Structures are given as C-alpha cells and as structure tokens.
C-alpha cells in the first residue's frame, strides 16, 4: 500500500461523534509510552501526524485520521500508567471500551507491545478482554531496533508461550521499528488486503 494522503479528521471522547461515512477503521492502542505515535508517523510517512511525547499518557482522545480517503487509522489513548487522576483514567477506560465494543466499522485492533519487555500482565489482560469481547486484534511489537535479534526472539517466544496458555493459535504478529521503518510494508499490506476483501464482500461500499 502506498500512502498518498493522510489527514487528521476529528478528536473526541464520544463515539456518536465519530465519522459516519462507513469507512473501515483500524485502531492502534498500547500501554503508555509504547511508541504508538512514532509508529503511526512511520506508517503514514508523516513526521508529526500523531503527536509524540516523552510523557506517558499524552494521547487522551480518540483520534481519527483518514488514509487515502479510503480507511481510518484510529489513535487511541494508551492504557496503564499515565500522569493523570483516577477519575480521568476511568473516563478513558469507559470511552475506549465503548469505542472498541460498539463501533461497527472497527475492523481490527493493533495492540502495540514493547519488544524489549517480557510479557506484561496489563497487555495480556487487555488482549484477553479483546478475545472475550470477540474483537479481532493483532500483536505489533515496537522498538525492535533497541535490542539484539536473540533478545527479540527470546521475548517473542515468551509472549507466544504465554498467549498459547489461553489461545488455540496466535493472532497475527508484526515486528516493527519506527527508526528503520522495518515492518511498515508488511503491516500496511495486511490492512490493504483486508480492505480489498471487504470491498469484494460489499460490506463497505463507497
């Protein structure tokens, strides 16, 4: 897939105010500071489409970006640690879960995972929740340029072992680097193929 155009559309916490044109949506979510904004900017080949920050919990809204006027990339607030109040965190959790469970045009959730870390309880819990809600998701490991190949394979194997305790098979897995752009083509082609299949099934018309 070639990204010809990527534009910010809307930010909000109310799913009723999300775009209503029926385009398929792909959500990106992960633990705070997992490198989500950097990955989104890498995928879209835009330096500052999504705002990057060294401060965890910077994204506090549902952010819709329209890609090639064909599909939406949706940037969701990170879960887990953030410098904010408990009441704010509970609000986030509420509108994130509402979006994920009630948005009919949501096609896939890309769950971002820091490749430098062993399986994190909060990530496993979130993916388990997705499975319980029957929400399709993929695992996207970020920052693979920050560790050796052997360390990466060790952590991937640990995740696979942990996941297969509950799942019969692994969901789609992607490894990425915002620095080197590794994984960009594979991930975008995955989205492109799903969009093609959707159009052929006439689920999503223009």
N, C-alpha and C. Protein backbone atom coordinates (compact mmCIF):
# COMPACT_ATOMS: atom_id res chain seq x y z
N UNK A 1 0.84 -1.20 0.00
CA UNK A 1 0.00 0.00 0.00
C UNK A 1 0.88 1.25 0.00
N UNK A 2 0.55 2.19 -0.84
CA UNK A 2 1.23 3.48 -0.87
C UNK A 2 0.33 4.51 -0.20
N UNK A 3 0.87 5.21 0.79
CA UNK A 3 0.11 6.25 1.48
C UNK A 3 0.25 7.55 0.69
N UNK A 4 -0.78 7.89 -0.03
CA UNK A 4 -0.76 9.13 -0.82
C UNK A 4 -1.24 10.32 -0.01
N UNK A 5 -2.14 10.04 0.93
CA UNK A 5 -2.74 11.14 1.69
C UNK A 5 -3.11 10.65 3.08
N UNK A 6 -2.77 11.44 4.08
CA UNK A 6 -3.12 11.11 5.46
C UNK A 6 -3.50 12.41 6.16
N UNK A 7 -4.73 12.47 6.62
CA UNK A 7 -5.23 13.72 7.21
C UNK A 7 -5.93 13.47 8.53
N UNK A 8 -5.69 14.38 9.47
CA UNK A 8 -6.43 14.36 10.73
C UNK A 8 -7.88 14.76 10.45
N UNK A 9 -8.82 14.07 11.08
CA UNK A 9 -10.25 14.34 10.86
C UNK A 9 -10.91 14.88 12.12
N UNK A 10 -10.82 14.12 13.23
CA UNK A 10 -11.55 14.55 14.42
C UNK A 10 -10.97 13.88 15.67
N UNK A 11 -11.06 14.57 16.79
CA UNK A 11 -10.72 14.01 18.10
C UNK A 11 -11.93 14.15 19.00
N UNK A 12 -12.25 13.11 19.74
CA UNK A 12 -13.32 13.24 20.72
C UNK A 12 -13.33 12.07 21.69
N UNK A 13 -14.25 12.12 22.65
CA UNK A 13 -14.43 11.02 23.59
C UNK A 13 -15.83 10.43 23.47
N UNK A 14 -16.54 10.81 22.43
CA UNK A 14 -17.93 10.40 22.24
C UNK A 14 -18.04 9.65 20.92
N UNK A 15 -18.34 8.35 20.99
CA UNK A 15 -18.36 7.57 19.76
C UNK A 15 -19.47 8.00 18.80
N UNK A 16 -20.47 8.68 19.31
CA UNK A 16 -21.54 9.15 18.42
C UNK A 16 -21.06 10.29 17.53
N UNK A 17 -19.91 10.87 17.88
CA UNK A 17 -19.37 11.96 17.08
C UNK A 17 -18.23 11.50 16.17
N UNK A 18 -18.00 10.20 16.12
CA UNK A 18 -17.00 9.65 15.20
C UNK A 18 -17.55 9.72 13.77
N UNK A 19 -16.68 9.65 12.77
CA UNK A 19 -17.13 9.72 11.37
C UNK A 19 -18.22 8.69 11.07
N UNK A 20 -19.14 9.09 10.22
CA UNK A 20 -20.29 8.22 9.91
C UNK A 20 -20.35 7.83 8.44
N UNK A 21 -19.20 7.91 7.74
CA UNK A 21 -19.22 7.59 6.31
C UNK A 21 -19.01 6.11 6.02
N UNK A 22 -18.85 5.29 7.06
CA UNK A 22 -18.79 3.85 6.86
C UNK A 22 -17.45 3.28 6.45
N UNK A 23 -16.42 4.12 6.38
CA UNK A 23 -15.10 3.60 6.01
C UNK A 23 -14.56 2.68 7.10
N UNK A 24 -13.84 1.63 6.72
CA UNK A 24 -13.28 0.72 7.73
C UNK A 24 -12.26 1.43 8.61
N UNK A 25 -12.20 1.00 9.87
CA UNK A 25 -11.32 1.63 10.85
C UNK A 25 -10.37 0.60 11.46
N UNK A 26 -9.14 1.05 11.67
CA UNK A 26 -8.10 0.22 12.28
C UNK A 26 -7.55 0.98 13.48
N UNK A 27 -7.75 0.42 14.66
CA UNK A 27 -7.36 1.11 15.89
C UNK A 27 -5.98 0.68 16.36
N UNK A 28 -5.23 1.65 16.87
CA UNK A 28 -3.91 1.39 17.43
C UNK A 28 -3.94 1.76 18.90
N UNK A 29 -3.56 0.80 19.74
CA UNK A 29 -3.61 1.01 21.18
C UNK A 29 -2.46 0.25 21.83
N UNK A 30 -2.05 0.72 22.99
CA UNK A 30 -0.98 0.04 23.71
C UNK A 30 -0.75 0.69 25.05
N UNK A 31 0.12 0.08 25.81
CA UNK A 31 0.48 0.65 27.09
C UNK A 31 1.14 2.01 26.87
N UNK A 32 0.97 2.91 27.82
CA UNK A 32 1.55 4.24 27.69
C UNK A 32 3.06 4.15 27.43
N UNK A 33 3.53 4.98 26.51
CA UNK A 33 4.95 5.06 26.16
C UNK A 33 5.47 3.86 25.37
N UNK A 34 4.57 3.17 24.68
CA UNK A 34 4.99 2.01 23.89
C UNK A 34 5.54 2.41 22.53
N UNK A 35 5.39 3.70 22.18
CA UNK A 35 5.89 4.18 20.89
C UNK A 35 4.81 4.24 19.83
N UNK A 36 3.57 4.44 20.28
CA UNK A 36 2.43 4.41 19.35
C UNK A 36 2.47 5.56 18.34
N UNK A 37 2.68 6.77 18.82
CA UNK A 37 2.70 7.93 17.92
C UNK A 37 3.83 7.82 16.89
N UNK A 38 4.99 7.37 17.35
CA UNK A 38 6.12 7.19 16.43
C UNK A 38 5.80 6.15 15.37
N UNK A 39 5.12 5.09 15.76
CA UNK A 39 4.75 4.04 14.80
C UNK A 39 3.75 4.57 13.78
N UNK A 40 2.75 5.32 14.25
CA UNK A 40 1.74 5.88 13.35
C UNK A 40 2.39 6.83 12.35
N UNK A 41 3.30 7.67 12.83
CA UNK A 41 4.00 8.59 11.92
C UNK A 41 4.86 7.82 10.91
N UNK A 42 5.47 6.72 11.35
CA UNK A 42 6.27 5.90 10.45
C UNK A 42 5.39 5.24 9.39
N UNK A 43 4.26 4.69 9.81
CA UNK A 43 3.37 4.00 8.87
C UNK A 43 2.83 4.95 7.80
N UNK A 44 2.47 6.16 8.23
CA UNK A 44 1.87 7.13 7.29
C UNK A 44 2.92 7.97 6.57
N UNK A 45 4.19 7.79 6.97
CA UNK A 45 5.29 8.57 6.40
C UNK A 45 5.08 10.07 6.59
N UNK A 46 4.56 10.41 7.76
CA UNK A 46 4.37 11.81 8.14
C UNK A 46 5.10 12.05 9.45
N UNK A 47 5.88 13.11 9.52
CA UNK A 47 6.72 13.33 10.70
C UNK A 47 5.94 13.66 11.95
N UNK A 48 4.80 14.30 11.80
CA UNK A 48 4.08 14.73 13.01
C UNK A 48 2.56 14.58 12.88
N UNK A 49 2.13 13.53 12.19
CA UNK A 49 0.68 13.30 12.09
C UNK A 49 0.13 13.03 13.49
N UNK A 50 0.77 12.11 14.18
CA UNK A 50 0.41 11.86 15.58
C UNK A 50 1.45 12.54 16.45
N UNK A 51 1.00 13.14 17.53
CA UNK A 51 1.92 13.88 18.40
C UNK A 51 2.70 12.92 19.29
N UNK A 52 4.03 13.02 19.19
CA UNK A 52 4.89 12.18 20.03
C UNK A 52 5.28 12.96 21.28
N UNK A 53 5.52 12.22 22.33
CA UNK A 53 5.89 12.87 23.59
C UNK A 53 6.62 11.89 24.47
N UNK A 54 7.55 12.41 25.26
CA UNK A 54 8.23 11.58 26.23
C UNK A 54 7.38 11.36 27.47
N UNK A 55 6.26 12.04 27.53
CA UNK A 55 5.36 11.91 28.68
C UNK A 55 4.30 10.85 28.42
N UNK A 56 4.30 9.76 29.20
CA UNK A 56 3.28 8.72 29.01
C UNK A 56 1.88 9.30 29.19
N UNK A 57 0.95 8.78 28.42
CA UNK A 57 -0.44 9.21 28.57
C UNK A 57 -0.77 10.49 27.85
N UNK A 58 0.02 10.85 26.84
CA UNK A 58 -0.20 12.11 26.13
C UNK A 58 -1.50 12.07 25.32
N UNK A 59 -1.75 10.95 24.66
CA UNK A 59 -2.99 10.82 23.89
C UNK A 59 -4.16 10.61 24.85
N UNK A 60 -5.12 11.53 24.82
CA UNK A 60 -6.24 11.42 25.75
C UNK A 60 -7.59 11.37 25.03
N UNK A 61 -7.56 11.29 23.71
CA UNK A 61 -8.78 11.30 22.92
C UNK A 61 -8.75 10.20 21.87
N UNK A 62 -9.91 9.91 21.31
CA UNK A 62 -9.99 9.05 20.13
C UNK A 62 -9.67 9.93 18.92
N UNK A 63 -8.58 9.65 18.25
CA UNK A 63 -8.14 10.47 17.12
C UNK A 63 -8.32 9.71 15.81
N UNK A 64 -9.12 10.27 14.91
CA UNK A 64 -9.34 9.67 13.60
C UNK A 64 -8.48 10.36 12.53
N UNK A 65 -7.75 9.55 11.76
CA UNK A 65 -7.01 10.05 10.61
C UNK A 65 -7.50 9.29 9.38
N UNK A 66 -7.85 10.00 8.32
CA UNK A 66 -8.31 9.31 7.11
C UNK A 66 -7.11 9.09 6.20
N UNK A 67 -6.97 7.87 5.72
CA UNK A 67 -5.83 7.47 4.90
C UNK A 67 -6.30 7.19 3.47
N UNK A 68 -5.72 7.92 2.52
CA UNK A 68 -6.05 7.75 1.09
C UNK A 68 -7.55 7.89 0.83
N UNK A 69 -8.25 8.61 1.72
CA UNK A 69 -9.70 8.78 1.63
C UNK A 69 -10.41 7.42 1.52
N UNK A 70 -9.78 6.40 2.11
CA UNK A 70 -10.27 5.03 1.93
C UNK A 70 -10.54 4.33 3.25
N UNK A 71 -9.75 4.63 4.28
CA UNK A 71 -9.91 3.98 5.58
C UNK A 71 -9.39 4.90 6.69
N UNK A 72 -9.79 4.57 7.92
CA UNK A 72 -9.38 5.39 9.06
C UNK A 72 -8.35 4.66 9.92
N UNK A 73 -7.31 5.39 10.24
CA UNK A 73 -6.37 4.96 11.27
C UNK A 73 -6.82 5.67 12.54
N UNK A 74 -7.07 4.90 13.60
CA UNK A 74 -7.60 5.47 14.83
C UNK A 74 -6.58 5.32 15.95
N UNK A 75 -6.15 6.45 16.46
CA UNK A 75 -5.16 6.51 17.54
C UNK A 75 -5.91 6.61 18.86
N UNK A 76 -5.77 5.58 19.70
CA UNK A 76 -6.49 5.53 20.97
C UNK A 76 -5.55 5.82 22.15
N UNK A 77 -6.10 6.35 23.24
CA UNK A 77 -5.26 6.59 24.43
C UNK A 77 -4.61 5.30 24.92
N UNK A 78 -3.41 5.44 25.44
CA UNK A 78 -2.73 4.26 25.98
C UNK A 78 -3.36 3.82 27.29
N UNK A 79 -3.26 2.54 27.57
CA UNK A 79 -3.75 2.06 28.85
C UNK A 79 -2.57 1.90 29.81
N UNK A 80 -2.88 1.82 31.10
CA UNK A 80 -1.80 1.68 32.07
C UNK A 80 -1.37 3.01 32.64
N UNK A 81 -0.11 3.09 32.97
CA UNK A 81 0.42 4.27 33.66
C UNK A 81 0.22 5.54 32.86
N UNK A 82 -0.26 6.57 33.54
CA UNK A 82 -0.32 7.92 32.95
C UNK A 82 -0.42 8.91 34.09
N UNK A 83 0.21 10.06 33.92
CA UNK A 83 0.17 11.10 34.96
C UNK A 83 -1.16 11.84 34.90
N UNK A 84 -2.16 11.20 35.42
CA UNK A 84 -3.49 11.81 35.44
C UNK A 84 -4.27 11.24 36.60
N UNK A 85 -5.39 11.81 36.90
CA UNK A 85 -6.17 11.38 38.05
C UNK A 85 -6.90 10.07 37.78
N UNK A 86 -7.31 9.42 38.86
CA UNK A 86 -8.06 8.17 38.72
C UNK A 86 -9.38 8.40 37.99
N UNK A 87 -10.00 9.56 38.22
CA UNK A 87 -11.27 9.85 37.56
C UNK A 87 -11.06 10.00 36.06
N UNK A 88 -9.95 10.63 35.67
CA UNK A 88 -9.65 10.75 34.24
C UNK A 88 -9.40 9.38 33.63
N UNK A 89 -8.65 8.54 34.35
CA UNK A 89 -8.35 7.21 33.83
C UNK A 89 -9.62 6.40 33.64
N UNK A 90 -10.56 6.52 34.59
CA UNK A 90 -11.81 5.76 34.46
C UNK A 90 -12.63 6.26 33.28
N UNK A 91 -12.57 7.57 33.02
CA UNK A 91 -13.25 8.12 31.84
C UNK A 91 -12.64 7.56 30.57
N UNK A 92 -11.30 7.51 30.52
CA UNK A 92 -10.62 6.95 29.35
C UNK A 92 -11.09 5.53 29.11
N UNK A 93 -11.03 4.73 30.20
CA UNK A 93 -11.39 3.32 30.07
C UNK A 93 -12.81 3.17 29.54
N UNK A 94 -13.70 4.04 29.99
CA UNK A 94 -15.10 3.96 29.57
C UNK A 94 -15.24 4.25 28.09
N UNK A 95 -14.68 5.37 27.61
CA UNK A 95 -14.91 5.68 26.19
C UNK A 95 -14.07 4.80 25.27
N UNK A 96 -12.94 4.29 25.76
CA UNK A 96 -12.16 3.35 24.94
C UNK A 96 -12.94 2.05 24.76
N UNK A 97 -13.48 1.53 25.86
CA UNK A 97 -14.23 0.27 25.76
C UNK A 97 -15.49 0.45 24.95
N UNK A 98 -16.15 1.60 25.08
CA UNK A 98 -17.33 1.87 24.26
C UNK A 98 -16.97 1.89 22.78
N UNK A 99 -15.87 2.57 22.46
CA UNK A 99 -15.46 2.62 21.06
C UNK A 99 -15.15 1.21 20.54
N UNK A 100 -14.37 0.46 21.28
CA UNK A 100 -13.93 -0.85 20.81
C UNK A 100 -15.09 -1.85 20.68
N UNK A 101 -16.07 -1.76 21.57
CA UNK A 101 -17.15 -2.76 21.57
C UNK A 101 -18.36 -2.34 20.74
N UNK A 102 -18.53 -1.02 20.50
CA UNK A 102 -19.75 -0.56 19.85
C UNK A 102 -19.53 -0.01 18.44
N UNK A 103 -18.30 0.17 18.04
CA UNK A 103 -18.03 0.79 16.74
C UNK A 103 -18.12 -0.27 15.65
N UNK A 104 -19.17 -0.24 14.87
CA UNK A 104 -19.43 -1.30 13.88
C UNK A 104 -18.42 -1.30 12.74
N UNK A 105 -17.80 -0.15 12.48
CA UNK A 105 -16.85 -0.08 11.37
C UNK A 105 -15.43 -0.42 11.80
N UNK A 106 -15.23 -0.75 13.07
CA UNK A 106 -13.90 -1.15 13.54
C UNK A 106 -13.58 -2.55 13.03
N UNK A 107 -12.52 -2.66 12.27
CA UNK A 107 -12.17 -3.93 11.63
C UNK A 107 -11.12 -4.70 12.41
N UNK A 108 -10.13 -3.99 12.93
CA UNK A 108 -9.03 -4.68 13.62
C UNK A 108 -8.39 -3.74 14.64
N UNK A 109 -7.95 -4.33 15.75
CA UNK A 109 -7.22 -3.58 16.78
C UNK A 109 -5.77 -4.02 16.73
N UNK A 110 -4.88 -3.08 16.53
CA UNK A 110 -3.46 -3.37 16.59
C UNK A 110 -2.99 -3.06 18.01
N UNK A 111 -2.65 -4.11 18.74
CA UNK A 111 -2.19 -3.96 20.12
C UNK A 111 -0.67 -3.84 20.10
N UNK A 112 -0.17 -2.67 20.50
CA UNK A 112 1.26 -2.41 20.46
C UNK A 112 1.93 -2.91 21.74
N UNK A 113 3.06 -3.60 21.56
CA UNK A 113 3.78 -4.20 22.67
C UNK A 113 5.26 -3.85 22.55
N UNK A 114 5.87 -3.45 23.65
CA UNK A 114 7.28 -3.09 23.66
C UNK A 114 8.12 -4.36 23.57
N UNK A 115 8.84 -4.52 22.46
CA UNK A 115 9.58 -5.76 22.22
C UNK A 115 10.72 -5.97 23.22
N UNK A 116 11.11 -4.92 23.93
CA UNK A 116 12.22 -5.02 24.89
C UNK A 116 11.81 -5.69 26.20
N UNK A 117 10.50 -5.84 26.39
CA UNK A 117 10.00 -6.35 27.67
C UNK A 117 9.44 -7.76 27.56
N UNK A 118 9.53 -8.48 28.64
CA UNK A 118 8.87 -9.78 28.72
C UNK A 118 7.36 -9.53 28.80
N UNK A 119 6.55 -10.56 28.60
CA UNK A 119 5.10 -10.37 28.63
C UNK A 119 4.65 -9.60 29.87
N UNK A 120 3.89 -8.53 29.64
CA UNK A 120 3.39 -7.68 30.72
C UNK A 120 1.96 -8.06 31.06
N UNK A 121 1.66 -8.13 32.33
CA UNK A 121 0.34 -8.53 32.79
C UNK A 121 -0.77 -7.67 32.17
N UNK A 122 -0.54 -6.35 32.13
CA UNK A 122 -1.58 -5.45 31.62
C UNK A 122 -1.87 -5.68 30.14
N UNK A 123 -0.83 -6.04 29.37
CA UNK A 123 -1.02 -6.33 27.95
C UNK A 123 -1.79 -7.63 27.75
N UNK A 124 -1.42 -8.64 28.52
CA UNK A 124 -2.12 -9.94 28.43
C UNK A 124 -3.58 -9.77 28.82
N UNK A 125 -3.83 -8.98 29.87
CA UNK A 125 -5.20 -8.74 30.31
C UNK A 125 -6.02 -8.02 29.25
N UNK A 126 -5.40 -7.05 28.59
CA UNK A 126 -6.13 -6.32 27.55
C UNK A 126 -6.47 -7.24 26.37
N UNK A 127 -5.51 -8.05 25.94
CA UNK A 127 -5.76 -8.96 24.82
C UNK A 127 -6.79 -10.03 25.20
N UNK A 128 -6.76 -10.46 26.45
CA UNK A 128 -7.77 -11.41 26.93
C UNK A 128 -9.16 -10.78 26.88
N UNK A 129 -9.24 -9.51 27.28
CA UNK A 129 -10.52 -8.79 27.21
C UNK A 129 -11.00 -8.70 25.76
N UNK A 130 -10.09 -8.40 24.84
CA UNK A 130 -10.47 -8.34 23.41
C UNK A 130 -11.05 -9.67 22.95
N UNK A 131 -10.40 -10.75 23.37
CA UNK A 131 -10.88 -12.08 22.98
C UNK A 131 -12.25 -12.36 23.57
N UNK A 132 -12.44 -11.99 24.83
CA UNK A 132 -13.74 -12.21 25.48
C UNK A 132 -14.85 -11.42 24.80
N UNK A 133 -14.49 -10.24 24.29
CA UNK A 133 -15.46 -9.40 23.59
C UNK A 133 -15.56 -9.74 22.10
N UNK A 134 -14.80 -10.75 21.69
CA UNK A 134 -14.76 -11.21 20.29
C UNK A 134 -14.33 -10.08 19.34
N UNK A 135 -13.32 -9.35 19.76
CA UNK A 135 -12.77 -8.26 18.96
C UNK A 135 -11.49 -8.74 18.28
N UNK A 136 -11.42 -8.68 16.96
CA UNK A 136 -10.22 -9.13 16.26
C UNK A 136 -9.04 -8.20 16.55
N UNK A 137 -7.90 -8.80 16.87
CA UNK A 137 -6.73 -7.98 17.15
C UNK A 137 -5.47 -8.63 16.62
N UNK A 138 -4.45 -7.81 16.44
CA UNK A 138 -3.13 -8.26 16.03
C UNK A 138 -2.12 -7.74 17.02
N UNK A 139 -1.00 -8.44 17.15
CA UNK A 139 0.07 -8.02 18.05
C UNK A 139 1.15 -7.31 17.25
N UNK A 140 1.50 -6.10 17.66
CA UNK A 140 2.53 -5.32 16.96
C UNK A 140 3.65 -4.99 17.94
N UNK A 141 4.79 -5.63 17.75
CA UNK A 141 5.93 -5.37 18.63
C UNK A 141 6.71 -4.17 18.11
N UNK A 142 6.93 -3.20 19.00
CA UNK A 142 7.61 -1.96 18.63
C UNK A 142 9.06 -1.97 19.12
N UNK A 143 9.84 -1.01 18.58
CA UNK A 143 11.20 -0.74 19.05
C UNK A 143 12.15 -1.92 18.92
N UNK A 144 12.01 -2.72 17.84
CA UNK A 144 12.88 -3.90 17.72
C UNK A 144 14.33 -3.52 17.45
N UNK A 145 14.55 -2.26 17.06
CA UNK A 145 15.93 -1.81 16.84
C UNK A 145 16.66 -1.55 18.16
N UNK A 146 15.94 -1.61 19.27
CA UNK A 146 16.53 -1.30 20.57
C UNK A 146 17.10 -2.52 21.28
N UNK A 147 17.01 -3.69 20.65
CA UNK A 147 17.54 -4.89 21.30
C UNK A 147 18.11 -5.83 20.25
N UNK A 148 18.89 -6.80 20.69
CA UNK A 148 19.53 -7.73 19.76
C UNK A 148 18.51 -8.71 19.20
N UNK A 149 18.87 -9.33 18.12
CA UNK A 149 17.98 -10.30 17.49
C UNK A 149 17.67 -11.47 18.42
N UNK A 150 18.69 -11.92 19.16
CA UNK A 150 18.47 -13.05 20.08
C UNK A 150 17.54 -12.65 21.24
N UNK A 151 17.70 -11.41 21.73
CA UNK A 151 16.83 -10.94 22.80
C UNK A 151 15.40 -10.78 22.30
N UNK A 152 15.25 -10.30 21.06
CA UNK A 152 13.92 -10.17 20.46
C UNK A 152 13.25 -11.53 20.35
N UNK A 153 13.97 -12.50 19.82
CA UNK A 153 13.40 -13.85 19.65
C UNK A 153 13.02 -14.46 21.00
N UNK A 154 13.82 -14.19 22.03
CA UNK A 154 13.52 -14.69 23.37
C UNK A 154 12.21 -14.11 23.89
N UNK A 155 12.03 -12.80 23.71
CA UNK A 155 10.80 -12.15 24.19
C UNK A 155 9.59 -12.57 23.37
N UNK A 156 9.76 -12.72 22.05
CA UNK A 156 8.65 -13.18 21.21
C UNK A 156 8.23 -14.59 21.61
N UNK A 157 9.21 -15.44 21.90
CA UNK A 157 8.91 -16.82 22.33
C UNK A 157 8.18 -16.82 23.67
N UNK A 158 8.58 -15.90 24.55
CA UNK A 158 7.92 -15.81 25.86
C UNK A 158 6.46 -15.38 25.70
N UNK A 159 6.22 -14.44 24.78
CA UNK A 159 4.85 -14.00 24.52
C UNK A 159 4.03 -15.14 23.93
N UNK A 160 4.63 -15.86 23.01
CA UNK A 160 3.91 -16.97 22.38
C UNK A 160 3.54 -18.03 23.41
N UNK A 161 4.48 -18.34 24.29
CA UNK A 161 4.21 -19.33 25.34
C UNK A 161 3.07 -18.86 26.24
N UNK A 162 3.09 -17.57 26.60
CA UNK A 162 2.06 -17.02 27.47
C UNK A 162 0.70 -16.99 26.77
N UNK A 163 0.70 -16.59 25.49
CA UNK A 163 -0.56 -16.49 24.75
C UNK A 163 -1.20 -17.86 24.54
N UNK A 164 -0.39 -18.86 24.25
CA UNK A 164 -0.94 -20.18 23.93
C UNK A 164 -1.46 -20.92 25.17
N UNK A 165 -1.29 -20.29 26.35
CA UNK A 165 -1.93 -20.85 27.54
C UNK A 165 -3.45 -20.67 27.45
N UNK A 166 -3.86 -19.62 26.72
CA UNK A 166 -5.29 -19.29 26.63
C UNK A 166 -5.84 -19.43 25.22
N UNK A 167 -5.00 -19.22 24.21
CA UNK A 167 -5.44 -19.24 22.83
C UNK A 167 -5.03 -20.53 22.13
N UNK A 168 -5.88 -20.99 21.23
CA UNK A 168 -5.55 -22.20 20.47
C UNK A 168 -4.47 -21.90 19.43
N UNK A 169 -4.46 -20.66 18.95
CA UNK A 169 -3.43 -20.25 18.00
C UNK A 169 -3.13 -18.77 18.19
N UNK A 170 -2.00 -18.35 17.65
CA UNK A 170 -1.58 -16.96 17.81
C UNK A 170 -2.35 -16.04 16.86
N UNK A 171 -2.65 -14.82 17.31
CA UNK A 171 -3.19 -13.82 16.38
C UNK A 171 -2.06 -13.38 15.45
N UNK A 172 -2.35 -12.60 14.40
CA UNK A 172 -1.28 -12.09 13.55
C UNK A 172 -0.24 -11.31 14.37
N UNK A 173 1.03 -11.52 14.06
CA UNK A 173 2.11 -10.86 14.80
C UNK A 173 2.98 -10.06 13.83
N UNK A 174 3.27 -8.81 14.21
CA UNK A 174 4.13 -7.94 13.41
C UNK A 174 5.27 -7.42 14.29
N UNK A 175 6.45 -7.30 13.70
CA UNK A 175 7.57 -6.69 14.40
C UNK A 175 7.95 -5.42 13.66
N UNK A 176 8.14 -4.34 14.41
CA UNK A 176 8.33 -3.03 13.77
C UNK A 176 9.42 -2.20 14.45
N UNK A 177 9.91 -1.24 13.67
CA UNK A 177 10.82 -0.23 14.19
C UNK A 177 10.47 1.10 13.54
N UNK A 178 10.14 2.09 14.36
CA UNK A 178 9.83 3.42 13.82
C UNK A 178 11.09 4.06 13.27
N UNK A 179 12.24 3.67 13.80
CA UNK A 179 13.52 4.26 13.36
C UNK A 179 13.89 3.78 11.96
N UNK A 180 13.88 2.47 11.76
CA UNK A 180 14.32 1.90 10.47
C UNK A 180 13.17 1.66 9.49
N UNK A 181 11.94 1.84 9.98
CA UNK A 181 10.73 1.58 9.20
C UNK A 181 10.51 0.09 8.91
N UNK A 182 11.21 -0.74 9.65
CA UNK A 182 11.02 -2.18 9.50
C UNK A 182 9.59 -2.55 9.86
N UNK A 183 8.98 -3.40 9.04
CA UNK A 183 7.63 -3.87 9.29
C UNK A 183 6.54 -3.01 8.67
N UNK A 184 6.93 -1.85 8.15
CA UNK A 184 5.94 -0.92 7.60
C UNK A 184 5.16 -1.55 6.44
N UNK A 185 5.87 -2.07 5.48
CA UNK A 185 5.22 -2.62 4.28
C UNK A 185 4.33 -3.80 4.63
N UNK A 186 4.81 -4.67 5.49
CA UNK A 186 4.03 -5.86 5.86
C UNK A 186 2.72 -5.47 6.54
N UNK A 187 2.80 -4.49 7.45
CA UNK A 187 1.60 -4.09 8.18
C UNK A 187 0.61 -3.38 7.27
N UNK A 188 1.11 -2.49 6.43
CA UNK A 188 0.22 -1.76 5.52
C UNK A 188 -0.41 -2.71 4.49
N UNK A 189 0.36 -3.68 4.03
CA UNK A 189 -0.19 -4.64 3.07
C UNK A 189 -1.27 -5.51 3.72
N UNK A 190 -1.10 -5.77 5.00
CA UNK A 190 -2.11 -6.53 5.75
C UNK A 190 -3.44 -5.75 5.77
N UNK A 191 -3.36 -4.46 6.07
CA UNK A 191 -4.55 -3.61 6.05
C UNK A 191 -5.14 -3.54 4.65
N UNK A 192 -4.28 -3.38 3.66
CA UNK A 192 -4.73 -3.29 2.26
C UNK A 192 -5.48 -4.53 1.83
N UNK A 193 -4.98 -5.70 2.25
CA UNK A 193 -5.63 -6.95 1.86
C UNK A 193 -7.00 -7.08 2.50
N UNK A 194 -7.09 -6.68 3.77
CA UNK A 194 -8.39 -6.73 4.45
C UNK A 194 -9.38 -5.79 3.76
N UNK A 195 -8.92 -4.58 3.41
CA UNK A 195 -9.79 -3.63 2.73
C UNK A 195 -10.28 -4.17 1.39
N UNK A 196 -9.38 -4.82 0.66
CA UNK A 196 -9.74 -5.42 -0.62
C UNK A 196 -10.81 -6.50 -0.43
N UNK A 197 -10.60 -7.34 0.59
CA UNK A 197 -11.56 -8.41 0.88
C UNK A 197 -12.93 -7.83 1.28
N UNK A 198 -12.90 -6.74 2.04
CA UNK A 198 -14.15 -6.10 2.46
C UNK A 198 -14.92 -5.56 1.27
N UNK A 199 -14.20 -4.92 0.36
CA UNK A 199 -14.85 -4.36 -0.82
C UNK A 199 -15.44 -5.46 -1.69
N UNK A 200 -14.71 -6.56 -1.78
CA UNK A 200 -15.20 -7.67 -2.60
C UNK A 200 -16.44 -8.30 -1.99
N UNK A 201 -16.53 -8.25 -0.64
CA UNK A 201 -17.71 -8.80 0.02
C UNK A 201 -18.84 -7.78 0.10
N UNK A 202 -18.56 -6.57 -0.41
CA UNK A 202 -19.52 -5.47 -0.49
C UNK A 202 -20.04 -5.05 0.88
N UNK A 203 -19.23 -5.32 1.90
CA UNK A 203 -19.59 -4.85 3.23
C UNK A 203 -19.43 -3.33 3.31
N UNK A 204 -18.42 -2.85 2.62
CA UNK A 204 -18.14 -1.43 2.66
C UNK A 204 -18.17 -0.89 1.24
N UNK A 205 -19.22 -0.15 0.90
CA UNK A 205 -19.30 0.48 -0.40
C UNK A 205 -18.83 1.91 -0.31
N UNK A 206 -18.56 2.52 -1.42
CA UNK A 206 -18.14 3.94 -1.43
C UNK A 206 -19.36 4.82 -1.24
